[in-house]
Amino acid sequence: MKLLVQTVVVLTVIAAPVTSFAQADSAVTREQVRAELVQLEQAGYRIGDGDNANYPADIQAAEARVTAQNGGSSYGGMVSGSSASGAPAPVTGLQPVYFGQ
Protein backbone atom coordinates (compact mmCIF):
# COMPACT_ATOMS: atom_id res chain seq x y z
CA MET A 1 0.00 0.00 0.00
CA LYS A 2 2.87 2.34 0.81
CA LEU A 3 4.35 1.69 -2.63
CA LEU A 4 1.03 2.59 -4.26
CA VAL A 5 0.83 5.91 -2.40
CA GLN A 6 4.42 6.76 -3.29
CA THR A 7 3.78 5.92 -6.93
CA VAL A 8 0.70 8.15 -7.07
CA VAL A 9 2.59 11.04 -5.44
CA VAL A 10 5.53 10.70 -7.83
CA LEU A 11 3.26 10.56 -10.88
CA THR A 12 1.36 13.63 -9.67
CA VAL A 13 4.58 15.58 -9.17
CA ILE A 14 5.79 14.58 -12.63
CA ALA A 15 2.47 15.46 -14.30
CA ALA A 16 2.02 18.87 -12.60
CA PRO A 17 4.47 20.84 -14.80
CA VAL A 18 2.99 19.33 -17.95
CA THR A 19 -0.53 20.49 -17.13
CA SER A 20 0.58 23.91 -15.89
CA PHE A 21 2.20 24.75 -19.23
CA ALA A 22 -0.54 23.33 -21.42
CA GLN A 23 -1.29 26.72 -23.00
CA ALA A 24 2.21 28.19 -23.11
CA ASP A 25 2.06 28.55 -26.91
CA SER A 26 -0.81 31.02 -26.75
CA ALA A 27 0.67 33.39 -24.18
CA VAL A 28 -0.33 37.01 -24.61
CA THR A 29 2.30 39.63 -23.92
CA ARG A 30 1.74 42.71 -21.82
CA GLU A 31 2.10 44.90 -24.89
CA GLN A 32 -0.64 42.96 -26.70
CA VAL A 33 -3.00 43.41 -23.76
CA ARG A 34 -2.27 47.14 -23.61
CA ALA A 35 -2.87 47.44 -27.37
CA GLU A 36 -6.22 45.66 -27.03
CA LEU A 37 -7.23 47.98 -24.18
CA VAL A 38 -6.31 51.02 -26.28
CA GLN A 39 -8.44 49.66 -29.15
CA LEU A 40 -11.38 49.15 -26.77
CA GLU A 41 -11.04 52.69 -25.44
CA GLN A 42 -10.92 54.07 -28.98
CA ALA A 43 -14.07 52.07 -29.76
CA GLY A 44 -15.91 53.86 -26.95
CA TYR A 45 -15.46 51.59 -23.92
CA ARG A 46 -14.37 53.44 -20.80
CA ILE A 47 -12.43 51.22 -18.43
CA GLY A 48 -13.08 51.93 -14.77
CA ASP A 49 -15.70 54.63 -15.18
CA GLY A 50 -17.76 53.10 -12.37
CA ASP A 51 -20.77 52.24 -14.54
CA ASN A 52 -21.21 48.53 -13.99
CA ALA A 53 -24.91 48.54 -14.81
CA ASN A 54 -24.28 47.88 -18.52
CA TYR A 55 -20.95 46.08 -18.23
CA PRO A 56 -21.47 43.01 -20.40
CA ALA A 57 -23.34 44.87 -23.11
CA ASP A 58 -20.86 47.77 -23.20
CA ILE A 59 -17.73 45.64 -23.52
CA GLN A 60 -19.34 43.31 -26.05
CA ALA A 61 -20.42 46.25 -28.18
CA ALA A 62 -16.91 47.71 -28.04
CA GLU A 63 -15.41 44.33 -28.94
CA ALA A 64 -17.79 44.07 -31.90
CA ARG A 65 -16.71 47.53 -33.10
CA VAL A 66 -13.02 46.58 -32.76
CA THR A 67 -13.63 43.33 -34.65
CA ALA A 68 -15.41 45.24 -37.42
CA GLN A 69 -12.54 47.74 -37.61
CA ASN A 70 -10.00 44.93 -37.83
CA GLY A 71 -11.97 43.40 -40.67
CA GLY A 72 -13.01 39.98 -39.54
CA SER A 73 -13.80 37.66 -36.76
CA SER A 74 -11.86 37.44 -33.56
CA TYR A 75 -11.36 34.74 -31.02
CA GLY A 76 -13.63 34.39 -28.06
CA GLY A 77 -16.53 36.67 -28.96
CA MET A 78 -20.13 36.17 -27.98
CA VAL A 79 -22.17 33.70 -29.97
CA SER A 80 -25.77 34.67 -30.49
CA GLY A 81 -28.35 32.09 -29.56
CA SER A 82 -29.27 30.27 -26.44
CA SER A 83 -27.83 27.62 -24.25
CA ALA A 84 -29.38 24.55 -22.71
CA SER A 85 -27.22 24.78 -19.62
CA GLY A 86 -29.02 23.44 -16.59
CA ALA A 87 -31.83 21.89 -18.59
CA PRO A 88 -32.71 18.30 -17.73
CA ALA A 89 -31.48 15.67 -20.13
CA PRO A 90 -34.12 14.34 -22.50
CA VAL A 91 -35.54 10.96 -21.57
CA THR A 92 -34.99 8.36 -24.28
CA GLY A 93 -37.46 5.57 -23.65
CA LEU A 94 -36.15 4.50 -20.25
CA GLN A 95 -37.60 6.04 -17.13
CA PRO A 96 -35.58 6.79 -14.00
CA VAL A 97 -35.90 4.35 -11.11
CA TYR A 98 -37.96 6.79 -9.05
CA PHE A 99 -40.06 8.17 -11.91
CA GLY A 100 -43.36 9.52 -10.62
CA GLN A 101 -42.58 8.90 -6.95
PDB file of N, CA and C in Angstrom:
ATOM      1  N   MET A   1       0.822  -1.193   0.000  1.00  0.00           N
ATOM      2  CA  MET A   1       0.000   0.000   0.000  1.00  0.00           C
ATOM      3  C   MET A   1       0.868   1.259   0.000  1.00  0.00           C
ATOM      4  N   LYS A   2       1.980   1.194   0.756  1.00  0.00           N
ATOM      5  CA  LYS A   2       2.871   2.345   0.806  1.00  0.00           C
ATOM      6  C   LYS A   2       3.486   2.606  -0.564  1.00  0.00           C
ATOM      7  N   LEU A   3       3.791   1.546  -1.290  1.00  0.00           N
ATOM      8  CA  LEU A   3       4.345   1.690  -2.634  1.00  0.00           C
ATOM      9  C   LEU A   3       3.342   2.345  -3.578  1.00  0.00           C
ATOM     10  N   LEU A   4       2.068   2.000  -3.434  1.00  0.00           N
ATOM     11  CA  LEU A   4       1.025   2.593  -4.262  1.00  0.00           C
ATOM     12  C   LEU A   4       0.906   4.092  -4.004  1.00  0.00           C
ATOM     13  N   VAL A   5       0.932   4.485  -2.749  1.00  0.00           N
ATOM     14  CA  VAL A   5       0.828   5.907  -2.397  1.00  0.00           C
ATOM     15  C   VAL A   5       2.035   6.658  -2.931  1.00  0.00           C
ATOM     16  N   GLN A   6       3.226   6.096  -2.784  1.00  0.00           N
ATOM     17  CA  GLN A   6       4.418   6.760  -3.292  1.00  0.00           C
ATOM     18  C   GLN A   6       4.375   6.893  -4.811  1.00  0.00           C
ATOM     19  N   THR A   7       3.877   5.871  -5.476  1.00  0.00           N
ATOM     20  CA  THR A   7       3.775   5.916  -6.933  1.00  0.00           C
ATOM     21  C   THR A   7       2.810   7.010  -7.386  1.00  0.00           C
ATOM     22  N   VAL A   8       1.677   7.123  -6.727  1.00  0.00           N
ATOM     23  CA  VAL A   8       0.699   8.154  -7.068  1.00  0.00           C
ATOM     24  C   VAL A   8       1.280   9.541  -6.834  1.00  0.00           C
ATOM     25  N   VAL A   9       1.990   9.740  -5.732  1.00  0.00           N
ATOM     26  CA  VAL A   9       2.590  11.043  -5.437  1.00  0.00           C
ATOM     27  C   VAL A   9       3.639  11.392  -6.478  1.00  0.00           C
ATOM     28  N   VAL A  10       4.483  10.438  -6.840  1.00  0.00           N
ATOM     29  CA  VAL A  10       5.534  10.696  -7.829  1.00  0.00           C
ATOM     30  C   VAL A  10       4.919  11.023  -9.186  1.00  0.00           C
ATOM     31  N   LEU A  11       3.907  10.289  -9.598  1.00  0.00           N
ATOM     32  CA  LEU A  11       3.260  10.565 -10.882  1.00  0.00           C
ATOM     33  C   LEU A  11       2.576  11.928 -10.886  1.00  0.00           C
ATOM     34  N   THR A  12       1.996  12.312  -9.763  1.00  0.00           N
ATOM     35  CA  THR A  12       1.356  13.631  -9.665  1.00  0.00           C
ATOM     36  C   THR A  12       2.392  14.738  -9.775  1.00  0.00           C
ATOM     37  N   VAL A  13       3.513  14.563  -9.107  1.00  0.00           N
ATOM     38  CA  VAL A  13       4.576  15.584  -9.168  1.00  0.00           C
ATOM     39  C   VAL A  13       5.148  15.680 -10.581  1.00  0.00           C
ATOM     40  N   ILE A  14       5.261  14.572 -11.259  1.00  0.00           N
ATOM     41  CA  ILE A  14       5.789  14.581 -12.627  1.00  0.00           C
ATOM     42  C   ILE A  14       4.781  15.212 -13.590  1.00  0.00           C
ATOM     43  N   ALA A  15       3.499  14.967 -13.387  1.00  0.00           N
ATOM     44  CA  ALA A  15       2.474  15.465 -14.303  1.00  0.00           C
ATOM     45  C   ALA A  15       2.132  16.934 -14.071  1.00  0.00           C
ATOM     46  N   ALA A  16       2.402  17.494 -12.918  1.00  0.00           N
ATOM     47  CA  ALA A  16       2.019  18.871 -12.601  1.00  0.00           C
ATOM     48  C   ALA A  16       2.624  19.893 -13.556  1.00  0.00           C
ATOM     49  N   PRO A  17       3.927  19.850 -13.858  1.00  0.00           N
ATOM     50  CA  PRO A  17       4.467  20.845 -14.795  1.00  0.00           C
ATOM     51  C   PRO A  17       3.883  20.722 -16.197  1.00  0.00           C
ATOM     52  N   VAL A  18       3.556  19.525 -16.620  1.00  0.00           N
ATOM     53  CA  VAL A  18       2.994  19.329 -17.950  1.00  0.00           C
ATOM     54  C   VAL A  18       1.642  20.016 -18.065  1.00  0.00           C
ATOM     55  N   THR A  19       0.793  19.874 -17.073  1.00  0.00           N
ATOM     56  CA  THR A  19      -0.528  20.494 -17.132  1.00  0.00           C
ATOM     57  C   THR A  19      -0.468  21.996 -16.899  1.00  0.00           C
ATOM     58  N   SER A  20       0.516  22.480 -16.153  1.00  0.00           N
ATOM     59  CA  SER A  20       0.578  23.914 -15.889  1.00  0.00           C
ATOM     60  C   SER A  20       1.030  24.708 -17.108  1.00  0.00           C
ATOM     61  N   PHE A  21       1.740  24.062 -18.037  1.00  0.00           N
ATOM     62  CA  PHE A  21       2.202  24.746 -19.234  1.00  0.00           C
ATOM     63  C   PHE A  21       1.455  24.296 -20.480  1.00  0.00           C
ATOM     64  N   ALA A  22       0.224  23.852 -20.306  1.00  0.00           N
ATOM     65  CA  ALA A  22      -0.543  23.328 -21.425  1.00  0.00           C
ATOM     66  C   ALA A  22      -0.827  24.397 -22.472  1.00  0.00           C
ATOM     67  N   GLN A  23      -0.952  25.664 -22.071  1.00  0.00           N
ATOM     68  CA  GLN A  23      -1.291  26.723 -23.005  1.00  0.00           C
ATOM     69  C   GLN A  23      -0.146  27.719 -23.169  1.00  0.00           C
ATOM     70  N   ALA A  24       1.065  27.281 -23.021  1.00  0.00           N
ATOM     71  CA  ALA A  24       2.206  28.186 -23.105  1.00  0.00           C
ATOM     72  C   ALA A  24       2.384  28.759 -24.508  1.00  0.00           C
ATOM     73  N   ASP A  25       1.907  28.060 -25.540  1.00  0.00           N
ATOM     74  CA  ASP A  25       2.062  28.546 -26.913  1.00  0.00           C
ATOM     75  C   ASP A  25       1.197  29.759 -27.201  1.00  0.00           C
ATOM     76  N   SER A  26       0.109  29.926 -26.468  1.00  0.00           N
ATOM     77  CA  SER A  26      -0.813  31.017 -26.751  1.00  0.00           C
ATOM     78  C   SER A  26      -0.704  32.139 -25.720  1.00  0.00           C
ATOM     79  N   ALA A  27       0.478  32.340 -25.178  1.00  0.00           N
ATOM     80  CA  ALA A  27       0.669  33.387 -24.182  1.00  0.00           C
ATOM     81  C   ALA A  27       0.525  34.762 -24.835  1.00  0.00           C
ATOM     82  N   VAL A  28      -0.128  35.652 -24.134  1.00  0.00           N
ATOM     83  CA  VAL A  28      -0.328  37.006 -24.612  1.00  0.00           C
ATOM     84  C   VAL A  28       0.634  37.909 -23.854  1.00  0.00           C
ATOM     85  N   THR A  29       1.347  38.742 -24.572  1.00  0.00           N
ATOM     86  CA  THR A  29       2.304  39.630 -23.917  1.00  0.00           C
ATOM     87  C   THR A  29       1.596  40.836 -23.323  1.00  0.00           C
ATOM     88  N   ARG A  30       2.289  41.513 -22.454  1.00  0.00           N
ATOM     89  CA  ARG A  30       1.739  42.712 -21.816  1.00  0.00           C
ATOM     90  C   ARG A  30       1.449  43.791 -22.850  1.00  0.00           C
ATOM     91  N   GLU A  31       2.300  43.890 -23.847  1.00  0.00           N
ATOM     92  CA  GLU A  31       2.100  44.900 -24.894  1.00  0.00           C
ATOM     93  C   GLU A  31       0.842  44.606 -25.710  1.00  0.00           C
ATOM     94  N   GLN A  32       0.568  43.323 -25.963  1.00  0.00           N
ATOM     95  CA  GLN A  32      -0.644  42.961 -26.703  1.00  0.00           C
ATOM     96  C   GLN A  32      -1.897  43.310 -25.905  1.00  0.00           C
ATOM     97  N   VAL A  33      -1.853  43.078 -24.605  1.00  0.00           N
ATOM     98  CA  VAL A  33      -3.005  43.413 -23.761  1.00  0.00           C
ATOM     99  C   VAL A  33      -3.221  44.910 -23.740  1.00  0.00           C
ATOM    100  N   ARG A  34      -2.141  45.670 -23.606  1.00  0.00           N
ATOM    101  CA  ARG A  34      -2.271  47.135 -23.608  1.00  0.00           C
ATOM    102  C   ARG A  34      -2.824  47.645 -24.947  1.00  0.00           C
ATOM    103  N   ALA A  35      -2.376  47.038 -26.050  1.00  0.00           N
ATOM    104  CA  ALA A  35      -2.872  47.442 -27.369  1.00  0.00           C
ATOM    105  C   ALA A  35      -4.361  47.143 -27.506  1.00  0.00           C
ATOM    106  N   GLU A  36      -4.796  45.995 -26.980  1.00  0.00           N
ATOM    107  CA  GLU A  36      -6.221  45.665 -27.031  1.00  0.00           C
ATOM    108  C   GLU A  36      -7.043  46.631 -26.174  1.00  0.00           C
ATOM    109  N   LEU A  37      -6.518  47.018 -25.020  1.00  0.00           N
ATOM    110  CA  LEU A  37      -7.229  47.982 -24.180  1.00  0.00           C
ATOM    111  C   LEU A  37      -7.334  49.343 -24.860  1.00  0.00           C
ATOM    112  N   VAL A  38      -6.272  49.752 -25.548  1.00  0.00           N
ATOM    113  CA  VAL A  38      -6.311  51.020 -26.281  1.00  0.00           C
ATOM    114  C   VAL A  38      -7.358  50.948 -27.385  1.00  0.00           C
ATOM    115  N   GLN A  39      -7.429  49.820 -28.100  1.00  0.00           N
ATOM    116  CA  GLN A  39      -8.440  49.660 -29.148  1.00  0.00           C
ATOM    117  C   GLN A  39      -9.844  49.732 -28.563  1.00  0.00           C
ATOM    118  N   LEU A  40     -10.057  49.108 -27.403  1.00  0.00           N
ATOM    119  CA  LEU A  40     -11.380  49.148 -26.771  1.00  0.00           C
ATOM    120  C   LEU A  40     -11.740  50.571 -26.360  1.00  0.00           C
ATOM    121  N   GLU A  41     -10.766  51.302 -25.823  1.00  0.00           N
ATOM    122  CA  GLU A  41     -11.038  52.690 -25.436  1.00  0.00           C
ATOM    123  C   GLU A  41     -11.350  53.543 -26.659  1.00  0.00           C
ATOM    124  N   GLN A  42     -10.651  53.315 -27.753  1.00  0.00           N
ATOM    125  CA  GLN A  42     -10.921  54.066 -28.981  1.00  0.00           C
ATOM    126  C   GLN A  42     -12.276  53.706 -29.565  1.00  0.00           C
ATOM    127  N   ALA A  43     -12.758  52.499 -29.263  1.00  0.00           N
ATOM    128  CA  ALA A  43     -14.069  52.070 -29.755  1.00  0.00           C
ATOM    129  C   ALA A  43     -15.197  52.556 -28.859  1.00  0.00           C
ATOM    130  N   GLY A  44     -14.869  53.272 -27.780  1.00  0.00           N
ATOM    131  CA  GLY A  44     -15.908  53.863 -26.948  1.00  0.00           C
ATOM    132  C   GLY A  44     -16.089  53.238 -25.583  1.00  0.00           C
ATOM    133  N   TYR A  45     -15.322  52.220 -25.242  1.00  0.00           N
ATOM    134  CA  TYR A  45     -15.456  51.595 -23.922  1.00  0.00           C
ATOM    135  C   TYR A  45     -14.556  52.314 -22.940  1.00  0.00           C
ATOM    136  N   ARG A  46     -15.121  52.723 -21.827  1.00  0.00           N
ATOM    137  CA  ARG A  46     -14.374  53.437 -20.802  1.00  0.00           C
ATOM    138  C   ARG A  46     -14.095  52.497 -19.639  1.00  0.00           C
ATOM    139  N   ILE A  47     -12.825  52.144 -19.477  1.00  0.00           N
ATOM    140  CA  ILE A  47     -12.429  51.215 -18.434  1.00  0.00           C
ATOM    141  C   ILE A  47     -12.411  51.941 -17.095  1.00  0.00           C
ATOM    142  N   GLY A  48     -13.101  51.392 -16.117  1.00  0.00           N
ATOM    143  CA  GLY A  48     -13.080  51.931 -14.767  1.00  0.00           C
ATOM    144  C   GLY A  48     -13.877  53.198 -14.576  1.00  0.00           C
ATOM    145  N   ASP A  49     -14.906  53.417 -15.367  1.00  0.00           N
ATOM    146  CA  ASP A  49     -15.701  54.632 -15.183  1.00  0.00           C
ATOM    147  C   ASP A  49     -16.737  54.486 -14.080  1.00  0.00           C
ATOM    148  N   GLY A  50     -16.835  53.309 -13.487  1.00  0.00           N
ATOM    149  CA  GLY A  50     -17.755  53.103 -12.373  1.00  0.00           C
ATOM    150  C   GLY A  50     -19.147  52.690 -12.780  1.00  0.00           C
ATOM    151  N   ASP A  51     -19.439  52.629 -14.080  1.00  0.00           N
ATOM    152  CA  ASP A  51     -20.769  52.244 -14.539  1.00  0.00           C
ATOM    153  C   ASP A  51     -20.781  50.750 -14.824  1.00  0.00           C
ATOM    154  N   ASN A  52     -21.162  49.982 -13.822  1.00  0.00           N
ATOM    155  CA  ASN A  52     -21.207  48.530 -13.992  1.00  0.00           C
ATOM    156  C   ASN A  52     -22.599  48.051 -14.384  1.00  0.00           C
ATOM    157  N   ALA A  53     -23.540  48.947 -14.507  1.00  0.00           N
ATOM    158  CA  ALA A  53     -24.914  48.544 -14.812  1.00  0.00           C
ATOM    159  C   ALA A  53     -25.021  47.917 -16.202  1.00  0.00           C
ATOM    160  N   ASN A  54     -24.220  48.388 -17.141  1.00  0.00           N
ATOM    161  CA  ASN A  54     -24.278  47.882 -18.516  1.00  0.00           C
ATOM    162  C   ASN A  54     -22.987  47.190 -18.921  1.00  0.00           C
ATOM    163  N   TYR A  55     -22.277  46.626 -17.948  1.00  0.00           N
ATOM    164  CA  TYR A  55     -20.946  46.077 -18.228  1.00  0.00           C
ATOM    165  C   TYR A  55     -20.916  45.059 -19.362  1.00  0.00           C
ATOM    166  N   PRO A  56     -21.653  43.988 -19.313  1.00  0.00           N
ATOM    167  CA  PRO A  56     -21.469  43.010 -20.400  1.00  0.00           C
ATOM    168  C   PRO A  56     -21.833  43.578 -21.761  1.00  0.00           C
ATOM    169  N   ALA A  57     -22.908  44.327 -21.824  1.00  0.00           N
ATOM    170  CA  ALA A  57     -23.342  44.868 -23.115  1.00  0.00           C
ATOM    171  C   ALA A  57     -22.343  45.890 -23.646  1.00  0.00           C
ATOM    172  N   ASP A  58     -21.799  46.731 -22.768  1.00  0.00           N
ATOM    173  CA  ASP A  58     -20.857  47.765 -23.204  1.00  0.00           C
ATOM    174  C   ASP A  58     -19.572  47.162 -23.762  1.00  0.00           C
ATOM    175  N   ILE A  59     -18.995  46.211 -23.053  1.00  0.00           N
ATOM    176  CA  ILE A  59     -17.727  45.635 -23.523  1.00  0.00           C
ATOM    177  C   ILE A  59     -17.934  44.793 -24.773  1.00  0.00           C
ATOM    178  N   GLN A  60     -19.073  44.112 -24.857  1.00  0.00           N
ATOM    179  CA  GLN A  60     -19.343  43.312 -26.053  1.00  0.00           C
ATOM    180  C   GLN A  60     -19.567  44.194 -27.271  1.00  0.00           C
ATOM    181  N   ALA A  61     -20.223  45.323 -27.069  1.00  0.00           N
ATOM    182  CA  ALA A  61     -20.424  46.251 -28.180  1.00  0.00           C
ATOM    183  C   ALA A  61     -19.086  46.835 -28.641  1.00  0.00           C
ATOM    184  N   ALA A  62     -18.218  47.177 -27.682  1.00  0.00           N
ATOM    185  CA  ALA A  62     -16.905  47.705 -28.037  1.00  0.00           C
ATOM    186  C   ALA A  62     -16.070  46.650 -28.749  1.00  0.00           C
ATOM    187  N   GLU A  63     -16.146  45.396 -28.278  1.00  0.00           N
ATOM    188  CA  GLU A  63     -15.407  44.327 -28.941  1.00  0.00           C
ATOM    189  C   GLU A  63     -15.927  44.098 -30.357  1.00  0.00           C
ATOM    190  N   ALA A  64     -17.224  44.229 -30.556  1.00  0.00           N
ATOM    191  CA  ALA A  64     -17.793  44.073 -31.897  1.00  0.00           C
ATOM    192  C   ALA A  64     -17.297  45.186 -32.815  1.00  0.00           C
ATOM    193  N   ARG A  65     -17.207  46.416 -32.282  1.00  0.00           N
ATOM    194  CA  ARG A  65     -16.707  47.533 -33.101  1.00  0.00           C
ATOM    195  C   ARG A  65     -15.231  47.322 -33.456  1.00  0.00           C
ATOM    196  N   VAL A  66     -14.441  46.838 -32.494  1.00  0.00           N
ATOM    197  CA  VAL A  66     -13.022  46.584 -32.759  1.00  0.00           C
ATOM    198  C   VAL A  66     -12.878  45.481 -33.797  1.00  0.00           C
ATOM    199  N   THR A  67     -13.682  44.425 -33.682  1.00  0.00           N
ATOM    200  CA  THR A  67     -13.631  43.333 -34.649  1.00  0.00           C
ATOM    201  C   THR A  67     -14.003  43.827 -36.039  1.00  0.00           C
ATOM    202  N   ALA A  68     -15.014  44.690 -36.119  1.00  0.00           N
ATOM    203  CA  ALA A  68     -15.412  45.242 -37.421  1.00  0.00           C
ATOM    204  C   ALA A  68     -14.310  46.128 -37.996  1.00  0.00           C
ATOM    205  N   GLN A  69     -13.630  46.890 -37.149  1.00  0.00           N
ATOM    206  CA  GLN A  69     -12.542  47.742 -37.612  1.00  0.00           C
ATOM    207  C   GLN A  69     -11.360  46.913 -38.111  1.00  0.00           C
ATOM    208  N   ASN A  70     -11.119  45.782 -37.443  1.00  0.00           N
ATOM    209  CA  ASN A  70     -10.000  44.933 -37.831  1.00  0.00           C
ATOM    210  C   ASN A  70     -10.331  44.070 -39.036  1.00  0.00           C
ATOM    211  N   GLY A  71     -11.582  44.093 -39.460  1.00  0.00           N
ATOM    212  CA  GLY A  71     -11.974  43.400 -40.671  1.00  0.00           C
ATOM    213  C   GLY A  71     -12.061  41.898 -40.549  1.00  0.00           C
ATOM    214  N   GLY A  72     -12.835  41.423 -39.608  1.00  0.00           N
ATOM    215  CA  GLY A  72     -13.008  39.983 -39.539  1.00  0.00           C
ATOM    216  C   GLY A  72     -13.439  39.528 -38.170  1.00  0.00           C
ATOM    217  N   SER A  73     -13.406  38.240 -38.026  1.00  0.00           N
ATOM    218  CA  SER A  73     -13.804  37.664 -36.757  1.00  0.00           C
ATOM    219  C   SER A  73     -12.603  37.597 -35.832  1.00  0.00           C
ATOM    220  N   SER A  74     -12.892  37.507 -34.564  1.00  0.00           N
ATOM    221  CA  SER A  74     -11.860  37.435 -33.557  1.00  0.00           C
ATOM    222  C   SER A  74     -12.102  36.215 -32.703  1.00  0.00           C
ATOM    223  N   TYR A  75     -11.160  35.885 -31.893  1.00  0.00           N
ATOM    224  CA  TYR A  75     -11.356  34.740 -31.022  1.00  0.00           C
ATOM    225  C   TYR A  75     -12.213  35.133 -29.835  1.00  0.00           C
ATOM    226  N   GLY A  76     -12.943  34.202 -29.315  1.00  0.00           N
ATOM    227  CA  GLY A  76     -13.628  34.386 -28.059  1.00  0.00           C
ATOM    228  C   GLY A  76     -14.954  35.080 -28.087  1.00  0.00           C
ATOM    229  N   GLY A  77     -15.354  35.824 -29.028  1.00  0.00           N
ATOM    230  CA  GLY A  77     -16.533  36.668 -28.959  1.00  0.00           C
ATOM    231  C   GLY A  77     -17.801  35.978 -28.503  1.00  0.00           C
ATOM    232  N   MET A  78     -18.868  36.709 -28.442  1.00  0.00           N
ATOM    233  CA  MET A  78     -20.132  36.165 -27.982  1.00  0.00           C
ATOM    234  C   MET A  78     -20.886  35.550 -29.160  1.00  0.00           C
ATOM    235  N   VAL A  79     -21.393  34.376 -28.948  1.00  0.00           N
ATOM    236  CA  VAL A  79     -22.166  33.703 -29.972  1.00  0.00           C
ATOM    237  C   VAL A  79     -23.638  33.958 -29.699  1.00  0.00           C
ATOM    238  N   SER A  80     -24.358  34.415 -30.698  1.00  0.00           N
ATOM    239  CA  SER A  80     -25.774  34.666 -30.486  1.00  0.00           C
ATOM    240  C   SER A  80     -26.514  33.341 -30.437  1.00  0.00           C
ATOM    241  N   GLY A  81     -27.583  33.316 -29.705  1.00  0.00           N
ATOM    242  CA  GLY A  81     -28.351  32.086 -29.560  1.00  0.00           C
ATOM    243  C   GLY A  81     -28.629  31.819 -28.106  1.00  0.00           C
ATOM    244  N   SER A  82     -28.968  30.605 -27.817  1.00  0.00           N
ATOM    245  CA  SER A  82     -29.266  30.272 -26.435  1.00  0.00           C
ATOM    246  C   SER A  82     -28.505  29.020 -26.048  1.00  0.00           C
ATOM    247  N   SER A  83     -28.529  28.766 -24.781  1.00  0.00           N
ATOM    248  CA  SER A  83     -27.828  27.621 -24.248  1.00  0.00           C
ATOM    249  C   SER A  83     -28.791  26.747 -23.477  1.00  0.00           C
ATOM    250  N   ALA A  84     -28.532  25.470 -23.452  1.00  0.00           N
ATOM    251  CA  ALA A  84     -29.377  24.546 -22.711  1.00  0.00           C
ATOM    252  C   ALA A  84     -28.742  24.185 -21.378  1.00  0.00           C
ATOM    253  N   SER A  85     -27.897  25.052 -20.880  1.00  0.00           N
ATOM    254  CA  SER A  85     -27.220  24.777 -19.625  1.00  0.00           C
ATOM    255  C   SER A  85     -28.226  24.678 -18.490  1.00  0.00           C
ATOM    256  N   GLY A  86     -28.134  23.631 -17.727  1.00  0.00           N
ATOM    257  CA  GLY A  86     -29.020  23.442 -16.592  1.00  0.00           C
ATOM    258  C   GLY A  86     -30.327  22.766 -16.934  1.00  0.00           C
ATOM    259  N   ALA A  87     -30.584  22.553 -18.199  1.00  0.00           N
ATOM    260  CA  ALA A  87     -31.825  21.895 -18.593  1.00  0.00           C
ATOM    261  C   ALA A  87     -31.705  20.395 -18.337  1.00  0.00           C
ATOM    262  N   PRO A  88     -32.790  19.747 -17.948  1.00  0.00           N
ATOM    263  CA  PRO A  88     -32.709  18.303 -17.729  1.00  0.00           C
ATOM    264  C   PRO A  88     -32.469  17.564 -19.041  1.00  0.00           C
ATOM    265  N   ALA A  89     -31.768  16.469 -18.940  1.00  0.00           N
ATOM    266  CA  ALA A  89     -31.478  15.669 -20.130  1.00  0.00           C
ATOM    267  C   ALA A  89     -32.760  15.032 -20.645  1.00  0.00           C
ATOM    268  N   PRO A  90     -32.911  14.956 -21.954  1.00  0.00           N
ATOM    269  CA  PRO A  90     -34.122  14.338 -22.499  1.00  0.00           C
ATOM    270  C   PRO A  90     -34.174  12.848 -22.171  1.00  0.00           C
ATOM    271  N   VAL A  91     -35.349  12.366 -21.890  1.00  0.00           N
ATOM    272  CA  VAL A  91     -35.543  10.956 -21.572  1.00  0.00           C
ATOM    273  C   VAL A  91     -35.710  10.196 -22.876  1.00  0.00           C
ATOM    274  N   THR A  92     -34.957   9.123 -23.029  1.00  0.00           N
ATOM    275  CA  THR A  92     -34.989   8.364 -24.277  1.00  0.00           C
ATOM    276  C   THR A  92     -35.546   6.969 -24.044  1.00  0.00           C
ATOM    277  N   GLY A  93     -36.812   6.868 -23.780  1.00  0.00           N
ATOM    278  CA  GLY A  93     -37.463   5.573 -23.652  1.00  0.00           C
ATOM    279  C   GLY A  93     -37.404   4.973 -22.262  1.00  0.00           C
ATOM    280  N   LEU A  94     -36.273   5.059 -21.587  1.00  0.00           N
ATOM    281  CA  LEU A  94     -36.147   4.498 -20.255  1.00  0.00           C
ATOM    282  C   LEU A  94     -36.521   5.541 -19.213  1.00  0.00           C
ATOM    283  N   GLN A  95     -37.202   5.132 -18.192  1.00  0.00           N
ATOM    284  CA  GLN A  95     -37.596   6.037 -17.128  1.00  0.00           C
ATOM    285  C   GLN A  95     -36.648   5.855 -15.944  1.00  0.00           C
ATOM    286  N   PRO A  96     -36.399   6.924 -15.191  1.00  0.00           N
ATOM    287  CA  PRO A  96     -35.577   6.788 -13.999  1.00  0.00           C
ATOM    288  C   PRO A  96     -36.215   5.814 -13.009  1.00  0.00           C
ATOM    289  N   VAL A  97     -35.419   5.317 -12.089  1.00  0.00           N
ATOM    290  CA  VAL A  97     -35.901   4.352 -11.108  1.00  0.00           C
ATOM    291  C   VAL A  97     -37.053   4.928 -10.294  1.00  0.00           C
ATOM    292  N   TYR A  98     -36.952   6.186  -9.913  1.00  0.00           N
ATOM    293  CA  TYR A  98     -37.962   6.792  -9.054  1.00  0.00           C
ATOM    294  C   TYR A  98     -38.917   7.687  -9.837  1.00  0.00           C
ATOM    295  N   PHE A  99     -39.160   7.377 -11.083  1.00  0.00           N
ATOM    296  CA  PHE A  99     -40.056   8.174 -11.910  1.00  0.00           C
ATOM    297  C   PHE A  99     -41.460   8.194 -11.329  1.00  0.00           C
ATOM    298  N   GLY A 100     -41.992   9.359 -11.096  1.00  0.00           N
ATOM    299  CA  GLY A 100     -43.363   9.517 -10.620  1.00  0.00           C
ATOM    300  C   GLY A 100     -43.517   9.320  -9.129  1.00  0.00           C
ATOM    301  N   GLN A 101     -42.480   9.146  -8.397  1.00  0.00           N
ATOM    302  CA  GLN A 101     -42.581   8.902  -6.948  1.00  0.00           C
ATOM    303  C   GLN A 101     -42.583  10.199  -6.200  1.00  0.00           C
TER     304      GLN A 101
END
